[in-house]
Amino acid sequence: MLENKQLESLTMYDQKRIVDSLLPFLDTIPDLPSPIKFGVLHKQSVSMCVQFLKSEVQKRQDITGGYTGSLYFSIWYRFQEADAATELYGSNVMYQINEFFDSACENNALPVLGDDMQYLKIGMIELPTVERKIDNMLDCMAIFECRIEHQ
């Protein structure tokens, strides 16, 4: 396990990296149809980034009046055991492991992950649903994606 101090610095780094990557998209293009993947994050980082993006979208709505962007999030949760995921989210969950991670690692989009890790993708979900899921999330690592839609 990471020490608290290590975890704190990791999550702040994650937040800065994600924010720096996403802000230009919020300002310059009408849609971000393909999710941006940010690699493995601790749930604290996911939560911080969601809150930040939510406030950024709100600011733009207040300024422009006509901006009706929506943020959608997709989170891949890591579980040590499949039963934990099924119990938490129901039996209709789908595991998508090898192809996604092999491809992402080849493209340097994600750190290389061990073969023994299992991940569960919760589909693209809009706020505030994602906030509830973060609150209920097991203390595990997650891969965070974000997609922006303007209506």
Protein backbone atom coordinates (compact mmCIF):
# COMPACT_ATOMS: atom_id res chain seq x y z
CA MET A 1 0.00 0.00 0.00
CA LEU A 2 1.11 3.56 -0.63
CA GLU A 3 1.86 5.75 2.35
CA ASN A 4 -0.59 8.63 2.80
CA LYS A 5 2.03 11.21 1.81
CA GLN A 6 2.88 9.29 -1.38
CA LEU A 7 -0.79 8.92 -2.19
CA GLU A 8 -1.44 12.62 -1.63
CA SER A 9 1.32 13.66 -4.03
CA LEU A 10 0.20 11.07 -6.58
CA THR A 11 -3.39 12.26 -6.52
CA MET A 12 -2.40 15.91 -6.87
CA TYR A 13 -0.20 15.01 -9.81
CA ASP A 14 -3.07 13.07 -11.38
CA GLN A 15 -5.43 15.98 -10.91
CA LYS A 16 -3.06 18.47 -12.52
CA ARG A 17 -2.39 16.14 -15.45
CA ILE A 18 -6.07 15.61 -16.10
CA VAL A 19 -7.02 19.24 -15.71
CA ASP A 20 -4.21 20.38 -18.01
CA SER A 21 -5.36 17.89 -20.62
CA LEU A 22 -9.05 18.71 -20.48
CA LEU A 23 -9.25 22.48 -20.16
CA PRO A 24 -8.32 23.16 -23.79
CA PHE A 25 -11.17 20.87 -24.90
CA LEU A 26 -13.68 22.67 -22.72
CA ASP A 27 -12.75 25.95 -24.39
CA THR A 28 -12.07 25.18 -28.02
CA ILE A 29 -14.13 22.38 -29.53
CA PRO A 30 -17.85 21.72 -29.43
CA ASP A 31 -17.66 18.01 -28.73
CA LEU A 32 -15.22 15.49 -27.43
CA PRO A 33 -16.93 12.34 -28.69
CA SER A 34 -14.14 9.90 -27.86
CA PRO A 35 -13.22 9.56 -24.22
CA ILE A 36 -9.81 10.73 -23.08
CA LYS A 37 -8.16 8.03 -20.99
CA PHE A 38 -5.91 9.09 -18.15
CA GLY A 39 -4.44 5.92 -16.79
CA VAL A 40 -4.73 4.36 -13.40
CA LEU A 41 -5.88 6.74 -10.70
CA HIS A 42 -6.80 6.39 -7.08
CA LYS A 43 -10.45 7.13 -6.37
CA GLN A 44 -9.50 10.34 -4.53
CA SER A 45 -8.03 11.65 -7.80
CA VAL A 46 -11.13 10.69 -9.74
CA SER A 47 -13.31 12.48 -7.24
CA MET A 48 -11.18 15.64 -7.28
CA CYS A 49 -11.14 15.75 -11.06
CA VAL A 50 -14.88 15.23 -11.37
CA GLN A 51 -15.51 18.09 -8.95
CA PHE A 52 -13.10 20.37 -10.77
CA LEU A 53 -14.58 19.65 -14.20
CA LYS A 54 -18.08 20.12 -12.86
CA SER A 55 -17.16 23.58 -11.57
CA GLU A 56 -15.42 24.48 -14.84
CA VAL A 57 -18.49 23.56 -16.88
CA GLN A 58 -20.69 25.52 -14.48
CA LYS A 59 -18.47 28.59 -14.87
CA ARG A 60 -18.79 28.42 -18.64
CA GLN A 61 -22.55 28.02 -18.41
CA ASP A 62 -22.74 31.10 -16.19
CA ILE A 63 -20.58 33.15 -18.55
CA THR A 64 -22.14 32.23 -21.87
CA GLY A 65 -25.70 31.51 -20.87
CA GLY A 66 -26.03 29.29 -23.93
CA TYR A 67 -23.42 26.70 -23.05
CA THR A 68 -25.11 23.44 -22.21
CA GLY A 69 -22.21 21.05 -22.13
CA SER A 70 -22.50 17.72 -20.39
CA LEU A 71 -19.66 15.73 -18.94
CA TYR A 72 -19.80 11.98 -19.16
CA PHE A 73 -17.46 9.76 -17.22
CA SER A 74 -16.43 6.19 -17.59
CA ILE A 75 -14.57 4.53 -14.79
CA TRP A 76 -12.81 1.19 -14.83
CA TYR A 77 -12.72 -0.14 -11.31
CA ARG A 78 -10.11 -2.58 -10.13
CA PHE A 79 -11.37 -5.46 -8.02
CA GLN A 80 -9.31 -8.21 -6.48
CA GLU A 81 -12.24 -10.58 -6.84
CA ALA A 82 -15.05 -10.66 -9.37
CA ASP A 83 -17.58 -11.45 -6.63
CA ALA A 84 -17.01 -8.07 -5.01
CA ALA A 85 -17.91 -6.28 -8.23
CA THR A 86 -20.98 -8.41 -8.84
CA GLU A 87 -22.18 -7.86 -5.30
CA LEU A 88 -21.68 -4.11 -5.54
CA TYR A 89 -23.08 -3.45 -9.01
CA GLY A 90 -25.21 -6.46 -9.94
CA SER A 91 -24.69 -9.40 -12.25
CA ASN A 92 -25.06 -7.46 -15.50
CA VAL A 93 -21.54 -6.06 -15.36
CA MET A 94 -19.13 -6.80 -18.19
CA TYR A 95 -15.41 -7.43 -17.83
CA GLN A 96 -13.24 -6.06 -20.60
CA ILE A 97 -9.64 -6.67 -19.72
CA ASN A 98 -6.96 -7.90 -22.07
CA GLU A 99 -7.58 -6.20 -25.41
CA PHE A 100 -8.18 -2.77 -23.92
CA PHE A 101 -5.16 -2.82 -21.66
CA ASP A 102 -2.81 -4.46 -24.16
CA SER A 103 -3.70 -1.84 -26.74
CA ALA A 104 -3.51 1.04 -24.28
CA CYS A 105 -0.15 -0.06 -22.94
CA GLU A 106 1.25 -0.37 -26.45
CA ASN A 107 0.18 3.22 -27.09
CA ASN A 108 1.66 4.36 -23.78
CA ALA A 109 -1.79 5.46 -22.71
CA LEU A 110 -1.67 3.43 -19.52
CA PRO A 111 0.96 2.05 -17.25
CA VAL A 112 1.63 -1.64 -17.71
CA LEU A 113 -0.65 -3.64 -15.47
CA GLY A 114 -0.26 -7.08 -13.96
CA ASP A 115 -2.13 -10.02 -15.47
CA ASP A 116 -3.82 -10.79 -12.16
CA MET A 117 -5.77 -7.53 -12.07
CA GLN A 118 -9.43 -7.57 -12.95
CA TYR A 119 -11.24 -4.47 -14.09
CA LEU A 120 -14.86 -3.61 -14.47
CA LYS A 121 -16.11 -0.89 -16.75
CA ILE A 122 -19.11 1.10 -15.74
CA GLY A 123 -20.46 2.64 -18.95
CA MET A 124 -20.45 6.34 -19.76
CA ILE A 125 -22.49 7.98 -17.03
CA GLU A 126 -23.45 11.56 -16.44
CA LEU A 127 -23.24 13.62 -13.26
CA PRO A 128 -24.54 13.28 -10.58
CA THR A 129 -24.60 9.50 -11.05
CA VAL A 130 -20.83 9.36 -11.22
CA GLU A 131 -20.55 11.18 -7.90
CA ARG A 132 -22.69 8.56 -6.18
CA LYS A 133 -20.62 5.79 -7.72
CA ILE A 134 -17.40 7.39 -6.52
CA ASP A 135 -18.82 7.63 -3.02
CA ASN A 136 -19.67 3.93 -3.09
CA MET A 137 -16.50 2.87 -4.81
CA LEU A 138 -14.24 0.33 -3.18
CA ASP A 139 -10.84 1.64 -2.19
CA CYS A 140 -9.25 0.60 -5.43
CA MET A 141 -7.54 2.02 -8.46
CA ALA A 142 -9.55 3.26 -11.41
CA ILE A 143 -9.01 4.20 -14.99
CA PHE A 144 -10.73 7.45 -15.67
CA GLU A 145 -12.16 8.62 -18.97
CA CYS A 146 -14.04 11.78 -19.76
CA ARG A 147 -16.18 12.76 -22.72
CA ILE A 148 -17.71 16.19 -23.30
CA GLU A 149 -20.93 16.81 -25.21
CA HIS A 150 -22.48 20.14 -26.06
CA GLN A 151 -26.21 20.14 -26.66
